[in-house]
Amino acid sequence: MNRSAIIDKVKVIVTGGCGFIGHHFVEHLIKNTDWDIIVLDKLSYSSCGFERLRDTGLLGNERLSVFPVDLSNKISMV
């Protein structure tokens, strides 16, 4: 059996992926890998919301998921 068929697809979590440096990193991953990318971002003033990802054409990519999350808040265990 093909080894790549056995291994699950790589998933990467990028925090701050909507910011200036983060969106360049996400763009690099999309262009140079086949990984699924999960972006967690507070979407504060420094990230400009979704604009940077939208401007680079990444928002519609099926391998990219973006979640607005403030990691400084307590996470409830439900």
PDB file of N, CA and C in Angstrom:
ATOM      1  N   MET A   1       0.845  -1.180   0.000  1.00  0.00           N
ATOM      2  CA  MET A   1       0.000   0.000   0.000  1.00  0.00           C
ATOM      3  C   MET A   1       0.890   1.243   0.000  1.00  0.00           C
ATOM      4  N   ASN A   2       0.443   2.265  -0.685  1.00  0.00           N
ATOM      5  CA  ASN A   2       1.165   3.529  -0.774  1.00  0.00           C
ATOM      6  C   ASN A   2       1.247   4.188   0.602  1.00  0.00           C
ATOM      7  N   ARG A   3       2.453   4.572   1.003  1.00  0.00           N
ATOM      8  CA  ARG A   3       2.637   5.185   2.326  1.00  0.00           C
ATOM      9  C   ARG A   3       1.837   6.465   2.480  1.00  0.00           C
ATOM     10  N   SER A   4       1.740   7.272   1.432  1.00  0.00           N
ATOM     11  CA  SER A   4       1.003   8.532   1.528  1.00  0.00           C
ATOM     12  C   SER A   4      -0.491   8.290   1.710  1.00  0.00           C
ATOM     13  N   ALA A   5      -0.990   7.134   1.282  1.00  0.00           N
ATOM     14  CA  ALA A   5      -2.396   6.822   1.475  1.00  0.00           C
ATOM     15  C   ALA A   5      -2.691   6.485   2.929  1.00  0.00           C
ATOM     16  N   ILE A   6      -1.680   6.016   3.662  1.00  0.00           N
ATOM     17  CA  ILE A   6      -1.856   5.638   5.066  1.00  0.00           C
ATOM     18  C   ILE A   6      -1.797   6.867   5.971  1.00  0.00           C
ATOM     19  N   ILE A   7      -0.918   7.798   5.663  1.00  0.00           N
ATOM     20  CA  ILE A   7      -0.717   8.976   6.503  1.00  0.00           C
ATOM     21  C   ILE A   7      -1.831   9.981   6.250  1.00  0.00           C
ATOM     22  N   ASP A   8      -2.428  10.481   7.333  1.00  0.00           N
ATOM     23  CA  ASP A   8      -3.447  11.522   7.207  1.00  0.00           C
ATOM     24  C   ASP A   8      -2.819  12.807   6.697  1.00  0.00           C
ATOM     25  N   LYS A   9      -3.628  13.621   6.084  1.00  0.00           N
ATOM     26  CA  LYS A   9      -3.176  14.908   5.577  1.00  0.00           C
ATOM     27  C   LYS A   9      -2.749  15.802   6.742  1.00  0.00           C
ATOM     28  N   VAL A  10      -1.683  16.556   6.541  1.00  0.00           N
ATOM     29  CA  VAL A  10      -1.157  17.437   7.576  1.00  0.00           C
ATOM     30  C   VAL A  10      -2.104  18.615   7.776  1.00  0.00           C
ATOM     31  N   LYS A  11      -2.348  18.952   9.040  1.00  0.00           N
ATOM     32  CA  LYS A  11      -3.136  20.131   9.401  1.00  0.00           C
ATOM     33  C   LYS A  11      -2.259  21.024  10.265  1.00  0.00           C
ATOM     34  N   VAL A  12      -2.253  22.309   9.966  1.00  0.00           N
ATOM     35  CA  VAL A  12      -1.412  23.271  10.675  1.00  0.00           C
ATOM     36  C   VAL A  12      -2.294  24.344  11.282  1.00  0.00           C
ATOM     37  N   ILE A  13      -2.018  24.698  12.543  1.00  0.00           N
ATOM     38  CA  ILE A  13      -2.701  25.824  13.180  1.00  0.00           C
ATOM     39  C   ILE A  13      -1.756  27.016  13.180  1.00  0.00           C
ATOM     40  N   VAL A  14      -2.233  28.139  12.655  1.00  0.00           N
ATOM     41  CA  VAL A  14      -1.445  29.370  12.634  1.00  0.00           C
ATOM     42  C   VAL A  14      -2.190  30.401  13.468  1.00  0.00           C
ATOM     43  N   THR A  15      -1.558  30.871  14.536  1.00  0.00           N
ATOM     44  CA  THR A  15      -2.166  31.941  15.326  1.00  0.00           C
ATOM     45  C   THR A  15      -1.697  33.270  14.756  1.00  0.00           C
ATOM     46  N   GLY A  16      -2.622  34.226  14.681  1.00  0.00           N
ATOM     47  CA  GLY A  16      -2.283  35.529  14.121  1.00  0.00           C
ATOM     48  C   GLY A  16      -2.152  35.507  12.610  1.00  0.00           C
ATOM     49  N   GLY A  17      -2.826  34.589  11.955  1.00  0.00           N
ATOM     50  CA  GLY A  17      -2.703  34.423  10.512  1.00  0.00           C
ATOM     51  C   GLY A  17      -3.316  35.525   9.681  1.00  0.00           C
ATOM     52  N   CYS A  18      -4.048  36.444  10.298  1.00  0.00           N
ATOM     53  CA  CYS A  18      -4.629  37.570   9.551  1.00  0.00           C
ATOM     54  C   CYS A  18      -3.752  38.815   9.656  1.00  0.00           C
ATOM     55  N   GLY A  19      -2.710  38.772  10.454  1.00  0.00           N
ATOM     56  CA  GLY A  19      -1.815  39.914  10.617  1.00  0.00           C
ATOM     57  C   GLY A  19      -0.833  40.037   9.468  1.00  0.00           C
ATOM     58  N   PHE A  20       0.040  41.029   9.547  1.00  0.00           N
ATOM     59  CA  PHE A  20       0.964  41.326   8.455  1.00  0.00           C
ATOM     60  C   PHE A  20       1.904  40.153   8.170  1.00  0.00           C
ATOM     61  N   ILE A  21       2.573  39.659   9.181  1.00  0.00           N
ATOM     62  CA  ILE A  21       3.499  38.543   8.980  1.00  0.00           C
ATOM     63  C   ILE A  21       2.727  37.240   8.791  1.00  0.00           C
ATOM     64  N   GLY A  22       1.693  37.048   9.596  1.00  0.00           N
ATOM     65  CA  GLY A  22       0.929  35.808   9.555  1.00  0.00           C
ATOM     66  C   GLY A  22       0.297  35.521   8.212  1.00  0.00           C
ATOM     67  N   HIS A  23      -0.262  36.533   7.557  1.00  0.00           N
ATOM     68  CA  HIS A  23      -0.922  36.263   6.276  1.00  0.00           C
ATOM     69  C   HIS A  23       0.089  35.908   5.191  1.00  0.00           C
ATOM     70  N   HIS A  24       1.328  36.444   5.294  1.00  0.00           N
ATOM     71  CA  HIS A  24       2.372  36.039   4.353  1.00  0.00           C
ATOM     72  C   HIS A  24       2.759  34.571   4.589  1.00  0.00           C
ATOM     73  N   PHE A  25       2.809  34.179   5.849  1.00  0.00           N
ATOM     74  CA  PHE A  25       3.123  32.792   6.186  1.00  0.00           C
ATOM     75  C   PHE A  25       2.034  31.846   5.675  1.00  0.00           C
ATOM     76  N   VAL A  26       0.778  32.222   5.889  1.00  0.00           N
ATOM     77  CA  VAL A  26      -0.344  31.417   5.407  1.00  0.00           C
ATOM     78  C   VAL A  26      -0.303  31.320   3.879  1.00  0.00           C
ATOM     79  N   GLU A  27      -0.032  32.429   3.218  1.00  0.00           N
ATOM     80  CA  GLU A  27       0.066  32.432   1.756  1.00  0.00           C
ATOM     81  C   GLU A  27       1.173  31.486   1.285  1.00  0.00           C
ATOM     82  N   HIS A  28       2.309  31.503   1.972  1.00  0.00           N
ATOM     83  CA  HIS A  28       3.416  30.613   1.644  1.00  0.00           C
ATOM     84  C   HIS A  28       3.002  29.144   1.800  1.00  0.00           C
ATOM     85  N   LEU A  29       2.319  28.825   2.887  1.00  0.00           N
ATOM     86  CA  LEU A  29       1.886  27.449   3.116  1.00  0.00           C
ATOM     87  C   LEU A  29       0.898  26.985   2.047  1.00  0.00           C
ATOM     88  N   ILE A  30      -0.033  27.847   1.678  1.00  0.00           N
ATOM     89  CA  ILE A  30      -1.018  27.484   0.648  1.00  0.00           C
ATOM     90  C   ILE A  30      -0.328  27.217  -0.682  1.00  0.00           C
ATOM     91  N   LYS A  31       0.636  28.068  -1.042  1.00  0.00           N
ATOM     92  CA  LYS A  31       1.294  27.953  -2.342  1.00  0.00           C
ATOM     93  C   LYS A  31       2.294  26.798  -2.402  1.00  0.00           C
ATOM     94  N   ASN A  32       2.912  26.441  -1.281  1.00  0.00           N
ATOM     95  CA  ASN A  32       4.024  25.488  -1.303  1.00  0.00           C
ATOM     96  C   ASN A  32       3.764  24.144  -0.645  1.00  0.00           C
ATOM     97  N   THR A  33       2.567  23.936  -0.120  1.00  0.00           N
ATOM     98  CA  THR A  33       2.239  22.651   0.506  1.00  0.00           C
ATOM     99  C   THR A  33       0.835  22.231   0.076  1.00  0.00           C
ATOM    100  N   ASP A  34       0.453  21.040   0.469  1.00  0.00           N
ATOM    101  CA  ASP A  34      -0.935  20.605   0.264  1.00  0.00           C
ATOM    102  C   ASP A  34      -1.647  20.479   1.621  1.00  0.00           C
ATOM    103  N   TRP A  35      -1.105  21.133   2.627  1.00  0.00           N
ATOM    104  CA  TRP A  35      -1.629  21.051   3.989  1.00  0.00           C
ATOM    105  C   TRP A  35      -2.938  21.821   4.135  1.00  0.00           C
ATOM    106  N   ASP A  36      -3.738  21.402   5.112  1.00  0.00           N
ATOM    107  CA  ASP A  36      -4.904  22.169   5.544  1.00  0.00           C
ATOM    108  C   ASP A  36      -4.437  23.151   6.605  1.00  0.00           C
ATOM    109  N   ILE A  37      -4.870  24.400   6.506  1.00  0.00           N
ATOM    110  CA  ILE A  37      -4.408  25.442   7.421  1.00  0.00           C
ATOM    111  C   ILE A  37      -5.592  25.981   8.204  1.00  0.00           C
ATOM    112  N   ILE A  38      -5.428  26.020   9.517  1.00  0.00           N
ATOM    113  CA  ILE A  38      -6.432  26.570  10.423  1.00  0.00           C
ATOM    114  C   ILE A  38      -5.833  27.832  11.026  1.00  0.00           C
ATOM    115  N   VAL A  39      -6.501  28.964  10.805  1.00  0.00           N
ATOM    116  CA  VAL A  39      -6.028  30.248  11.331  1.00  0.00           C
ATOM    117  C   VAL A  39      -6.887  30.639  12.517  1.00  0.00           C
ATOM    118  N   LEU A  40      -6.214  30.944  13.637  1.00  0.00           N
ATOM    119  CA  LEU A  40      -6.874  31.497  14.815  1.00  0.00           C
ATOM    120  C   LEU A  40      -6.371  32.922  14.964  1.00  0.00           C
ATOM    121  N   ASP A  41      -7.292  33.890  14.958  1.00  0.00           N
ATOM    122  CA  ASP A  41      -6.877  35.283  15.043  1.00  0.00           C
ATOM    123  C   ASP A  41      -7.896  36.077  15.843  1.00  0.00           C
ATOM    124  N   LYS A  42      -7.415  36.984  16.644  1.00  0.00           N
ATOM    125  CA  LYS A  42      -8.268  37.845  17.459  1.00  0.00           C
ATOM    126  C   LYS A  42      -9.019  38.860  16.601  1.00  0.00           C
ATOM    127  N   LEU A  43      -8.515  39.123  15.399  1.00  0.00           N
ATOM    128  CA  LEU A  43      -9.085  40.102  14.478  1.00  0.00           C
ATOM    129  C   LEU A  43      -9.158  41.488  15.117  1.00  0.00           C
ATOM    130  N   SER A  44      -8.072  41.881  15.754  1.00  0.00           N
ATOM    131  CA  SER A  44      -8.000  43.205  16.372  1.00  0.00           C
ATOM    132  C   SER A  44      -7.569  44.226  15.322  1.00  0.00           C
ATOM    133  N   TYR A  45      -7.294  45.434  15.765  1.00  0.00           N
ATOM    134  CA  TYR A  45      -6.878  46.512  14.862  1.00  0.00           C
ATOM    135  C   TYR A  45      -5.626  46.135  14.060  1.00  0.00           C
ATOM    136  N   SER A  46      -4.737  45.356  14.640  1.00  0.00           N
ATOM    137  CA  SER A  46      -3.482  45.047  13.962  1.00  0.00           C
ATOM    138  C   SER A  46      -3.636  44.013  12.842  1.00  0.00           C
ATOM    139  N   SER A  47      -4.725  43.267  12.853  1.00  0.00           N
ATOM    140  CA  SER A  47      -4.908  42.264  11.803  1.00  0.00           C
ATOM    141  C   SER A  47      -5.692  42.811  10.614  1.00  0.00           C
ATOM    142  N   CYS A  48      -6.346  43.950  10.783  1.00  0.00           N
ATOM    143  CA  CYS A  48      -7.203  44.517   9.727  1.00  0.00           C
ATOM    144  C   CYS A  48      -8.335  43.565   9.359  1.00  0.00           C
ATOM    145  N   GLY A  49      -8.788  42.778  10.297  1.00  0.00           N
ATOM    146  CA  GLY A  49      -9.871  41.831  10.030  1.00  0.00           C
ATOM    147  C   GLY A  49      -9.459  40.795   9.008  1.00  0.00           C
ATOM    148  N   PHE A  50     -10.367  40.484   8.102  1.00  0.00           N
ATOM    149  CA  PHE A  50     -10.098  39.490   7.065  1.00  0.00           C
ATOM    150  C   PHE A  50      -9.495  40.116   5.812  1.00  0.00           C
ATOM    151  N   GLU A  51      -9.281  41.433   5.806  1.00  0.00           N
ATOM    152  CA  GLU A  51      -8.871  42.132   4.589  1.00  0.00           C
ATOM    153  C   GLU A  51      -7.604  41.578   3.955  1.00  0.00           C
ATOM    154  N   ARG A  52      -6.586  41.294   4.744  1.00  0.00           N
ATOM    155  CA  ARG A  52      -5.324  40.812   4.170  1.00  0.00           C
ATOM    156  C   ARG A  52      -5.499  39.459   3.487  1.00  0.00           C
ATOM    157  N   LEU A  53      -6.223  38.560   4.116  1.00  0.00           N
ATOM    158  CA  LEU A  53      -6.456  37.253   3.499  1.00  0.00           C
ATOM    159  C   LEU A  53      -7.363  37.396   2.271  1.00  0.00           C
ATOM    160  N   ARG A  54      -8.327  38.297   2.343  1.00  0.00           N
ATOM    161  CA  ARG A  54      -9.227  38.524   1.213  1.00  0.00           C
ATOM    162  C   ARG A  54      -8.456  39.134   0.042  1.00  0.00           C
ATOM    163  N   ASP A  55      -7.575  40.096   0.319  1.00  0.00           N
ATOM    164  CA  ASP A  55      -6.812  40.768  -0.736  1.00  0.00           C
ATOM    165  C   ASP A  55      -5.862  39.818  -1.468  1.00  0.00           C
ATOM    166  N   THR A  56      -5.358  38.812  -0.772  1.00  0.00           N
ATOM    167  CA  THR A  56      -4.454  37.853  -1.416  1.00  0.00           C
ATOM    168  C   THR A  56      -5.219  36.714  -2.075  1.00  0.00           C
ATOM    169  N   GLY A  57      -6.538  36.708  -1.960  1.00  0.00           N
ATOM    170  CA  GLY A  57      -7.354  35.666  -2.578  1.00  0.00           C
ATOM    171  C   GLY A  57      -7.385  34.362  -1.817  1.00  0.00           C
ATOM    172  N   LEU A  58      -6.957  34.377  -0.558  1.00  0.00           N
ATOM    173  CA  LEU A  58      -6.889  33.137   0.220  1.00  0.00           C
ATOM    174  C   LEU A  58      -8.204  32.742   0.876  1.00  0.00           C
ATOM    175  N   LEU A  59      -9.097  33.717   1.112  1.00  0.00           N
ATOM    176  CA  LEU A  59     -10.292  33.417   1.901  1.00  0.00           C
ATOM    177  C   LEU A  59     -11.180  32.344   1.292  1.00  0.00           C
ATOM    178  N   GLY A  60     -11.243  32.214   0.005  1.00  0.00           N
ATOM    179  CA  GLY A  60     -12.092  31.204  -0.612  1.00  0.00           C
ATOM    180  C   GLY A  60     -11.431  29.847  -0.757  1.00  0.00           C
ATOM    181  N   ASN A  61     -10.190  29.727  -0.333  1.00  0.00           N
ATOM    182  CA  ASN A  61      -9.466  28.470  -0.508  1.00  0.00           C
ATOM    183  C   ASN A  61     -10.051  27.387   0.391  1.00  0.00           C
ATOM    184  N   GLU A  62     -10.301  26.210  -0.193  1.00  0.00           N
ATOM    185  CA  GLU A  62     -10.926  25.117   0.569  1.00  0.00           C
ATOM    186  C   GLU A  62     -10.010  24.520   1.628  1.00  0.00           C
ATOM    187  N   ARG A  63      -8.702  24.770   1.548  1.00  0.00           N
ATOM    188  CA  ARG A  63      -7.762  24.242   2.543  1.00  0.00           C
ATOM    189  C   ARG A  63      -7.563  25.195   3.715  1.00  0.00           C
ATOM    190  N   LEU A  64      -8.227  26.354   3.679  1.00  0.00           N
ATOM    191  CA  LEU A  64      -8.040  27.371   4.715  1.00  0.00           C
ATOM    192  C   LEU A  64      -9.321  27.546   5.524  1.00  0.00           C
ATOM    193  N   SER A  65      -9.191  27.450   6.846  1.00  0.00           N
ATOM    194  CA  SER A  65     -10.295  27.730   7.769  1.00  0.00           C
ATOM    195  C   SER A  65      -9.837  28.827   8.712  1.00  0.00           C
ATOM    196  N   VAL A  66     -10.670  29.852   8.906  1.00  0.00           N
ATOM    197  CA  VAL A  66     -10.315  30.980   9.766  1.00  0.00           C
ATOM    198  C   VAL A  66     -11.350  31.091  10.877  1.00  0.00           C
ATOM    199  N   PHE A  67     -10.851  31.158  12.114  1.00  0.00           N
ATOM    200  CA  PHE A  67     -11.721  31.276  13.278  1.00  0.00           C
ATOM    201  C   PHE A  67     -11.332  32.505  14.084  1.00  0.00           C
ATOM    202  N   PRO A  68     -12.286  33.422  14.315  1.00  0.00           N
ATOM    203  CA  PRO A  68     -11.987  34.577  15.163  1.00  0.00           C
ATOM    204  C   PRO A  68     -11.998  34.157  16.637  1.00  0.00           C
ATOM    205  N   VAL A  69     -10.818  34.079  17.232  1.00  0.00           N
ATOM    206  CA  VAL A  69     -10.669  33.587  18.605  1.00  0.00           C
ATOM    207  C   VAL A  69      -9.699  34.489  19.344  1.00  0.00           C
ATOM    208  N   ASP A  70     -10.056  34.858  20.568  1.00  0.00           N
ATOM    209  CA  ASP A  70      -9.143  35.592  21.445  1.00  0.00           C
ATOM    210  C   ASP A  70      -8.569  34.583  22.430  1.00  0.00           C
ATOM    211  N   LEU A  71      -7.333  34.179  22.219  1.00  0.00           N
ATOM    212  CA  LEU A  71      -6.723  33.148  23.041  1.00  0.00           C
ATOM    213  C   LEU A  71      -6.414  33.604  24.459  1.00  0.00           C
ATOM    214  N   SER A  72      -6.569  34.896  24.731  1.00  0.00           N
ATOM    215  CA  SER A  72      -6.368  35.366  26.097  1.00  0.00           C
ATOM    216  C   SER A  72      -7.610  35.145  26.961  1.00  0.00           C
ATOM    217  N   ASN A  73      -8.741  34.830  26.343  1.00  0.00           N
ATOM    218  CA  ASN A  73      -9.964  34.532  27.085  1.00  0.00           C
ATOM    219  C   ASN A  73      -9.939  33.082  27.564  1.00  0.00           C
ATOM    220  N   LYS A  74     -10.617  32.852  28.663  1.00  0.00           N
ATOM    221  CA  LYS A  74     -10.724  31.515  29.212  1.00  0.00           C
ATOM    222  C   LYS A  74     -11.545  30.645  28.262  1.00  0.00           C
ATOM    223  N   ILE A  75     -11.109  29.416  28.066  1.00  0.00           N
ATOM    224  CA  ILE A  75     -11.814  28.493  27.194  1.00  0.00           C
ATOM    225  C   ILE A  75     -12.689  27.597  28.054  1.00  0.00           C
ATOM    226  N   SER A  76     -13.990  27.568  27.731  1.00  0.00           N
ATOM    227  CA  SER A  76     -14.885  26.727  28.525  1.00  0.00           C
ATOM    228  C   SER A  76     -14.804  25.293  28.032  1.00  0.00           C
ATOM    229  N   MET A  77     -14.874  24.391  28.959  1.00  0.00           N
ATOM    230  CA  MET A  77     -14.819  22.948  28.656  1.00  0.00           C
ATOM    231  C   MET A  77     -16.241  22.418  28.665  1.00  0.00           C
ATOM    232  N   VAL A  78     -16.821  22.301  27.489  1.00  0.00           N
ATOM    233  CA  VAL A  78     -18.217  21.853  27.386  1.00  0.00           C
ATOM    234  C   VAL A  78     -18.261  20.400  27.034  1.00  0.00           C
TER     235      VAL A  78
END
